[in-house]
C-alpha atoms as a PDB file:
ATOM      1  CA  MET A   1     137.821 160.087  66.711  1.00  0.00           C
ATOM      2  CA  ILE A   2     138.852 160.046  63.353  1.00  0.00           C
ATOM      3  CA  ALA A   3     135.108 159.754  61.879  1.00  0.00           C
ATOM      4  CA  THR A   4     134.210 162.882  63.927  1.00  0.00           C
ATOM      5  CA  ARG A   5     136.989 164.722  62.548  1.00  0.00           C
ATOM      6  CA  LEU A   6     136.012 163.771  58.828  1.00  0.00           C
ATOM      7  CA  LEU A   7     132.646 164.615  59.376  1.00  0.00           C
ATOM      8  CA  LYS A   8     133.613 168.028  60.478  1.00  0.00           C
ATOM      9  CA  GLN A   9     135.664 168.580  57.563  1.00  0.00           C
ATOM     10  CA  LEU A  10     132.787 167.555  55.524  1.00  0.00           C
ATOM     11  CA  LEU A  11     130.293 169.873  57.294  1.00  0.00           C
ATOM     12  CA  SER A  12     132.780 172.879  57.017  1.00  0.00           C
ATOM     13  CA  ASN A  13     131.859 173.028  53.184  1.00  0.00           C
ATOM     14  CA  THR A  14     128.210 171.989  53.820  1.00  0.00           C
ATOM     15  CA  VAL A  15     125.247 173.974  52.832  1.00  0.00           C
ATOM     16  CA  ILE A  16     122.301 172.432  54.515  1.00  0.00           C
ATOM     17  CA  CYS A  17     118.714 173.269  52.861  1.00  0.00           C
ATOM     18  CA  ALA A  18     116.286 174.736  55.179  1.00  0.00           C
ATOM     19  CA  VAL A  19     115.560 177.740  57.510  1.00  0.00           C
ATOM     20  CA  GLY A  20     112.438 179.319  58.785  1.00  0.00           C
ATOM     21  CA  ALA A  21     110.463 181.824  56.871  1.00  0.00           C
ATOM     22  CA  ILE A  22     108.210 184.973  57.169  1.00  0.00           C
ATOM     23  CA  LEU A  23     105.115 184.856  55.659  1.00  0.00           C
ATOM     24  CA  ALA A  24     103.574 188.326  54.928  1.00  0.00           C
ATOM     25  CA  PHE A  25     100.218 189.261  53.288  1.00  0.00           C
ATOM     26  CA  ALA A  26      99.105 192.495  51.890  1.00  0.00           C
ATOM     27  CA  GLY A  27      95.817 193.599  50.444  1.00  0.00           C
ATOM     28  CA  GLN A  28      94.796 195.580  47.231  1.00  0.00           C
ATOM     29  CA  SER A  29      97.365 194.033  45.099  1.00  0.00           C
ATOM     30  CA  PRO A  30      97.338 191.315  42.222  1.00  0.00           C
ATOM     31  CA  ALA A  31      97.266 188.083  43.768  1.00  0.00           C
ATOM     32  CA  ALA A  32     100.907 186.752  43.738  1.00  0.00           C
ATOM     33  CA  TRP A  33     103.454 184.784  45.676  1.00  0.00           C
ATOM     34  CA  ALA A  34     107.196 185.024  46.054  1.00  0.00           C
ATOM     35  CA  LEU A  35     109.525 182.835  47.697  1.00  0.00           C
ATOM     36  CA  GLY A  36     112.739 184.574  48.765  1.00  0.00           C
ATOM     37  CA  GLY A  37     115.794 182.703  50.296  1.00  0.00           C
ATOM     38  CA  ALA A  38     116.366 179.183  49.393  1.00  0.00           C
ATOM     39  CA  GLU A  39     117.705 178.199  52.592  1.00  0.00           C
ATOM     40  CA  SER A  40     120.521 176.839  54.337  1.00  0.00           C
ATOM     41  CA  MET A  41     120.596 175.405  57.815  1.00  0.00           C
ATOM     42  CA  ASP A  42     124.012 176.587  58.500  1.00  0.00           C
ATOM     43  CA  ARG A  43     123.631 180.273  57.401  1.00  0.00           C
ATOM     44  CA  PRO A  44     120.549 181.882  56.012  1.00  0.00           C
ATOM     45  CA  SER A  45     120.971 182.924  52.090  1.00  0.00           C
ATOM     46  CA  ALA A  46     120.132 186.220  50.998  1.00  0.00           C
ATOM     47  CA  LYS A  47     119.606 184.910  47.689  1.00  0.00           C
ATOM     48  CA  THR A  48     116.097 185.898  46.280  1.00  0.00           C
ATOM     49  CA  LEU A  49     114.125 183.595  43.750  1.00  0.00           C
ATOM     50  CA  PRO A  50     112.049 184.539  40.893  1.00  0.00           C
ATOM     51  CA  GLU A  51     108.496 185.786  41.614  1.00  0.00           C
ATOM     52  CA  PRO A  52     105.871 183.439  40.026  1.00  0.00           C
ATOM     53  CA  LEU A  53     102.500 185.049  39.675  1.00  0.00           C
ATOM     54  CA  TYR A  54      99.227 183.538  40.821  1.00  0.00           C
ATOM     55  CA  PRO A  55      96.031 185.075  39.550  1.00  0.00           C
ATOM     56  CA  SER A  56      92.971 184.807  41.609  1.00  0.00           C
ATOM     57  CA  ASP A  57      90.784 182.868  38.951  1.00  0.00           C
ATOM     58  CA  LYS A  58      93.255 180.281  38.117  1.00  0.00           C
ATOM     59  CA  PRO A  59      95.568 178.092  40.436  1.00  0.00           C
ATOM     60  CA  GLU A  60      99.001 177.379  38.902  1.00  0.00           C
ATOM     61  CA  GLN A  61     102.151 175.391  39.518  1.00  0.00           C
ATOM     62  CA  ALA A  62     103.677 175.381  42.891  1.00  0.00           C
ATOM     63  CA  PHE A  63     106.763 177.800  43.669  1.00  0.00           C
ATOM     64  CA  GLU A  64     110.037 177.416  41.863  1.00  0.00           C
ATOM     65  CA  LEU A  65     111.895 175.446  44.526  1.00  0.00           C
ATOM     66  CA  PRO A  66     115.558 176.113  45.483  1.00  0.00           C
ATOM     67  CA  LYS A  67     118.034 173.998  43.688  1.00  0.00           C
ATOM     68  CA  LEU A  68     120.388 172.224  46.169  1.00  0.00           C
ATOM     69  CA  PRO A  69     124.169 172.514  45.812  1.00  0.00           C
ATOM     70  CA  GLU A  70     125.447 169.502  44.053  1.00  0.00           C
ATOM     71  CA  SER A  71     128.129 167.125  46.033  1.00  0.00           C
ATOM     72  CA  GLU A  72     131.776 168.386  45.794  1.00  0.00           C
ATOM     73  CA  ARG A  73     134.644 165.634  45.323  1.00  0.00           C
ATOM     74  CA  THR A  74     137.532 168.090  45.723  1.00  0.00           C
ATOM     75  CA  ASP A  75     138.381 167.972  49.071  1.00  0.00           C
ATOM     76  CA  LYS A  76     140.733 165.256  49.917  1.00  0.00           C
ATOM     77  CA  ALA A  77     138.613 164.372  53.230  1.00  0.00           C
ATOM     78  CA  ASN A  78     135.817 163.354  50.696  1.00  0.00           C
ATOM     79  CA  ASP A  79     138.061 160.439  49.713  1.00  0.00           C
ATOM     80  CA  ARG A  80     137.830 158.826  52.941  1.00  0.00           C
ATOM     81  CA  GLN A  81     135.558 156.126  53.814  1.00  0.00           C
ATOM     82  CA  LEU A  82     132.996 155.143  56.354  1.00  0.00           C
ATOM     83  CA  PHE A  83     131.482 151.630  56.999  1.00  0.00           C
ATOM     84  CA  ILE A  84     127.656 152.004  57.344  1.00  0.00           C
ATOM     85  CA  LYS A  85     125.886 149.212  58.664  1.00  0.00           C
ATOM     86  CA  HIS A  86     122.524 151.159  59.893  1.00  0.00           C
ATOM     87  CA  ILE A  87     121.177 154.622  59.367  1.00  0.00           C
ATOM     88  CA  ARG A  88     118.950 155.958  62.101  1.00  0.00           C
ATOM     89  CA  LEU A  89     116.636 158.896  61.246  1.00  0.00           C
ATOM     90  CA  GLN A  90     115.521 161.481  64.018  1.00  0.00           C
ATOM     91  CA  GLY A  91     113.012 164.197  63.888  1.00  0.00           C
ATOM     92  CA  ASN A  92     110.806 163.004  61.226  1.00  0.00           C
ATOM     93  CA  GLN A  93     107.075 163.146  61.461  1.00  0.00           C
ATOM     94  CA  ALA A  94     105.547 164.462  58.198  1.00  0.00           C
ATOM     95  CA  VAL A  95     107.348 162.047  56.245  1.00  0.00           C
ATOM     96  CA  SER A  96     107.554 158.436  57.542  1.00  0.00           C
ATOM     97  CA  THR A  97     111.004 156.455  57.836  1.00  0.00           C
ATOM     98  CA  GLU A  98     109.278 154.023  55.603  1.00  0.00           C
ATOM     99  CA  GLN A  99     108.736 156.751  52.740  1.00  0.00           C
ATOM    100  CA  LEU A 100     112.691 157.563  53.109  1.00  0.00           C
ATOM    101  CA  THR A 101     113.898 154.004  53.465  1.00  0.00           C
ATOM    102  CA  PRO A 102     114.481 153.375  49.698  1.00  0.00           C
ATOM    103  CA  LEU A 103     116.911 156.595  49.810  1.00  0.00           C
ATOM    104  CA  LEU A 104     118.875 155.011  52.538  1.00  0.00           C
ATOM    105  CA  GLN A 105     119.372 151.447  51.265  1.00  0.00           C
ATOM    106  CA  PRO A 106     122.019 152.095  48.868  1.00  0.00           C
ATOM    107  CA  TYR A 107     124.296 153.338  51.513  1.00  0.00           C
ATOM    108  CA  LEU A 108     124.160 150.484  53.840  1.00  0.00           C
ATOM    109  CA  ASN A 109     126.411 147.697  54.650  1.00  0.00           C
ATOM    110  CA  ARG A 110     129.258 149.075  52.656  1.00  0.00           C
ATOM    111  CA  LYS A 111     131.908 151.663  52.984  1.00  0.00           C
ATOM    112  CA  VAL A 112     130.619 155.092  52.258  1.00  0.00           C
ATOM    113  CA  PHE A 113     132.735 157.927  50.888  1.00  0.00           C
ATOM    114  CA  LEU A 114     131.983 161.152  52.814  1.00  0.00           C
ATOM    115  CA  TYR A 115     130.947 162.887  49.499  1.00  0.00           C
ATOM    116  CA  GLU A 116     128.218 160.203  49.357  1.00  0.00           C
ATOM    117  CA  ILE A 117     126.937 160.970  52.838  1.00  0.00           C
ATOM    118  CA  GLU A 118     126.788 164.555  51.674  1.00  0.00           C
ATOM    119  CA  ALA A 119     124.666 163.250  48.611  1.00  0.00           C
ATOM    120  CA  LEU A 120     122.339 161.232  51.144  1.00  0.00           C
ATOM    121  CA  ARG A 121     121.688 164.441  53.187  1.00  0.00           C
ATOM    122  CA  GLN A 122     121.127 166.403  49.995  1.00  0.00           C
ATOM    123  CA  GLU A 123     118.497 163.474  48.659  1.00  0.00           C
ATOM    124  CA  LEU A 124     116.712 163.659  52.081  1.00  0.00           C
ATOM    125  CA  SER A 125     116.540 167.376  51.948  1.00  0.00           C
ATOM    126  CA  ARG A 126     115.253 167.219  48.294  1.00  0.00           C
ATOM    127  CA  TYR A 127     112.592 164.814  49.118  1.00  0.00           C
ATOM    128  CA  TYR A 128     111.087 167.092  51.594  1.00  0.00           C
ATOM    129  CA  ILE A 129     111.325 170.108  49.412  1.00  0.00           C
ATOM    130  CA  ASP A 130     109.614 168.221  46.445  1.00  0.00           C
ATOM    131  CA  LYS A 131     106.841 167.093  49.108  1.00  0.00           C
ATOM    132  CA  GLY A 132     106.178 170.918  49.738  1.00  0.00           C
ATOM    133  CA  PHE A 133     108.166 171.130  52.859  1.00  0.00           C
ATOM    134  CA  ILE A 134     110.464 173.843  51.570  1.00  0.00           C
ATOM    135  CA  ASN A 135     111.782 174.849  54.790  1.00  0.00           C
ATOM    136  CA  SER A 136     112.820 171.382  55.866  1.00  0.00           C
ATOM    137  CA  GLY A 137     115.738 169.382  55.631  1.00  0.00           C
ATOM    138  CA  ALA A 138     118.537 166.956  56.828  1.00  0.00           C
ATOM    139  CA  VAL A 139     121.235 167.851  59.113  1.00  0.00           C
ATOM    140  CA  ILE A 140     124.350 165.428  59.685  1.00  0.00           C
ATOM    141  CA  THR A 141     126.435 166.703  62.662  1.00  0.00           C
ATOM    142  CA  ALA A 142     130.056 165.822  63.413  1.00  0.00           C
ATOM    143  CA  ASP A 143     129.378 163.535  66.220  1.00  0.00           C
ATOM    144  CA  ALA A 144     126.512 161.513  63.786  1.00  0.00           C
ATOM    145  CA  TYR A 145     128.840 158.329  63.167  1.00  0.00           C
ATOM    146  CA  HIS A 146     129.123 155.797  65.940  1.00  0.00           C
ATOM    147  CA  ASN A 147     129.566 151.864  65.977  1.00  0.00           C
ATOM    148  CA  ASP A 148     129.139 151.921  62.128  1.00  0.00           C
ATOM    149  CA  GLU A 149     125.451 153.743  62.521  1.00  0.00           C
ATOM    150  CA  LEU A 150     124.927 156.958  60.822  1.00  0.00           C
ATOM    151  CA  GLN A 151     122.481 159.129  62.593  1.00  0.00           C
ATOM    152  CA  ILE A 152     120.738 161.729  60.535  1.00  0.00           C
ATOM    153  CA  LYS A 153     118.352 164.528  61.867  1.00  0.00           C
ATOM    154  CA  LEU A 154     115.385 165.699  59.901  1.00  0.00           C
ATOM    155  CA  ILE A 155     114.448 169.322  60.599  1.00  0.00           C
ATOM    156  CA  GLU A 156     110.814 169.825  59.838  1.00  0.00           C
ATOM    157  CA  GLY A 157     110.232 173.529  59.572  1.00  0.00           C
ATOM    158  CA  ARG A 158     107.514 175.408  60.847  1.00  0.00           C
ATOM    159  CA  LEU A 159     105.227 178.599  60.178  1.00  0.00           C
ATOM    160  CA  ASP A 160     105.042 180.249  63.673  1.00  0.00           C
ATOM    161  CA  GLU A 161     103.265 183.548  62.476  1.00  0.00           C
ATOM    162  CA  VAL A 162     101.364 185.151  59.631  1.00  0.00           C
ATOM    163  CA  ARG A 163     101.620 188.779  59.324  1.00  0.00           C
ATOM    164  CA  VAL A 164      98.777 190.536  57.545  1.00  0.00           C
ATOM    165  CA  LYS A 165      98.508 194.213  56.673  1.00  0.00           C
ATOM    166  CA  GLY A 166      96.432 196.614  54.349  1.00  0.00           C
ATOM    167  CA  LEU A 167      93.119 194.760  54.864  1.00  0.00           C
ATOM    168  CA  GLU A 168      89.806 196.951  54.380  1.00  0.00           C
ATOM    169  CA  GLY A 169      86.761 195.771  56.173  1.00  0.00           C
ATOM    170  CA  LEU A 170      88.298 192.208  57.183  1.00  0.00           C
ATOM    171  CA  ARG A 171      89.839 191.018  60.673  1.00  0.00           C
ATOM    172  CA  ALA A 172      93.276 190.163  60.180  1.00  0.00           C
ATOM    173  CA  GLY A 173      92.480 187.158  62.321  1.00  0.00           C
ATOM    174  CA  TYR A 174      90.022 185.743  59.727  1.00  0.00           C
ATOM    175  CA  VAL A 175      92.711 185.773  56.947  1.00  0.00           C
ATOM    176  CA  ILE A 176      95.387 184.216  59.340  1.00  0.00           C
ATOM    177  CA  ASN A 177      93.000 181.152  60.339  1.00  0.00           C
ATOM    178  CA  ARG A 178      92.124 180.554  56.697  1.00  0.00           C
ATOM    179  CA  LEU A 179      95.647 180.428  55.670  1.00  0.00           C
ATOM    180  CA  LYS A 180      97.201 178.705  58.857  1.00  0.00           C
ATOM    181  CA  ARG A 181      94.789 175.973  59.863  1.00  0.00           C
ATOM    182  CA  ASP A 182      97.089 173.746  61.837  1.00  0.00           C
ATOM    183  CA  ASP A 183      99.716 175.349  64.254  1.00  0.00           C
ATOM    184  CA  ASP A 184     101.562 172.045  65.117  1.00  0.00           C
ATOM    185  CA  ALA A 185     102.020 170.903  61.478  1.00  0.00           C
ATOM    186  CA  PRO A 186     105.298 171.367  59.428  1.00  0.00           C
ATOM    187  CA  PHE A 187     105.060 173.973  56.874  1.00  0.00           C
ATOM    188  CA  ASN A 188     103.919 172.847  53.589  1.00  0.00           C
ATOM    189  CA  VAL A 189     103.817 175.394  50.678  1.00  0.00           C
ATOM    190  CA  LEU A 190     101.468 173.175  48.717  1.00  0.00           C
ATOM    191  CA  GLU A 191      98.886 173.241  51.447  1.00  0.00           C
ATOM    192  CA  LEU A 192      99.425 176.967  51.952  1.00  0.00           C
ATOM    193  CA  GLN A 193      98.707 177.613  48.157  1.00  0.00           C
ATOM    194  CA  GLU A 194      95.445 175.613  48.149  1.00  0.00           C
ATOM    195  CA  ASN A 195      94.524 177.633  51.201  1.00  0.00           C
ATOM    196  CA  PHE A 196      95.604 180.848  49.646  1.00  0.00           C
ATOM    197  CA  GLN A 197      93.396 180.024  46.558  1.00  0.00           C
ATOM    198  CA  MET A 198      90.587 179.301  48.418  1.00  0.00           C
ATOM    199  CA  LEU A 199      90.652 182.545  50.151  1.00  0.00           C
ATOM    200  CA  LEU A 200      90.943 184.448  47.129  1.00  0.00           C
ATOM    201  CA  LYS A 201      87.305 182.977  46.366  1.00  0.00           C
ATOM    202  CA  ASP A 202      85.939 184.855  49.275  1.00  0.00           C
ATOM    203  CA  PRO A 203      83.631 187.392  47.845  1.00  0.00           C
ATOM    204  CA  LEU A 204      85.133 190.124  50.503  1.00  0.00           C
ATOM    205  CA  ILE A 205      88.556 189.636  49.032  1.00  0.00           C
ATOM    206  CA  SER A 206      89.436 190.934  45.583  1.00  0.00           C
ATOM    207  CA  ARG A 207      93.114 191.106  45.404  1.00  0.00           C
ATOM    208  CA  MET A 208      95.959 190.004  47.678  1.00  0.00           C
ATOM    209  CA  ASN A 209      99.732 188.958  47.507  1.00  0.00           C
ATOM    210  CA  GLY A 210     101.901 186.973  49.857  1.00  0.00           C
ATOM    211  CA  ARG A 211     105.485 186.696  50.349  1.00  0.00           C
ATOM    212  CA  ILE A 212     107.720 184.116  52.141  1.00  0.00           C
ATOM    213  CA  LEU A 213     111.270 185.341  53.441  1.00  0.00           C
ATOM    214  CA  PRO A 214     113.761 183.666  55.833  1.00  0.00           C
ATOM    215  CA  GLY A 215     113.046 183.738  59.419  1.00  0.00           C
ATOM    216  CA  GLU A 216     115.327 184.147  62.446  1.00  0.00           C
ATOM    217  CA  SER A 217     115.352 180.570  63.927  1.00  0.00           C
ATOM    218  CA  LEU A 218     116.420 177.134  62.225  1.00  0.00           C
ATOM    219  CA  GLY A 219     113.533 175.322  61.054  1.00  0.00           C
ATOM    220  CA  HIS A 220     110.848 178.041  62.265  1.00  0.00           C
ATOM    221  CA  SER A 221     109.006 180.702  60.511  1.00  0.00           C
ATOM    222  CA  VAL A 222     107.358 183.950  61.422  1.00  0.00           C
END
């Protein structure tokens, strides 16, 4: 099918934003956060981002989030068009379809260039990232277009495990339960930040640092 071949050509140059992450904590060091690996659903990135500091007595701004790659229009395949009558979202729970609909409307009921489809995917991924879901994002597969309908899968990343070391006089389970309150909820770095700051107010904890790294599975964290 022509549409499938075109989407395959587009996806061959596409970097999709979201993978899993490792969350590791260690005691006896200044309270700090670092986010490593601004992520690709196709291939994890080894790129490490700057490490903003978070003092225990003063909450600050959220992590510096990874930038999404800009859409490229150099490939000749990007000049081809597909008519899109409807866009179906799959897998979104943390963010409702109603919230995302304004992003979809400009692409409906008209012919759309392939680079515009990639731009839409990035817009959806950016929406998730801006809301704190830093290992979530949109995926468009090669068979996503059928009968004028484009299907977009939204991967809502999870934090599967929190690793803790270097504690003195505290159970690891106590720290983990304070940081990771809902095992089934998509990973949200803003909620984690809030839990982290609350934990630092505990008189039993003086200093602690945390680091988020790419995990092994798509959309899941360790």
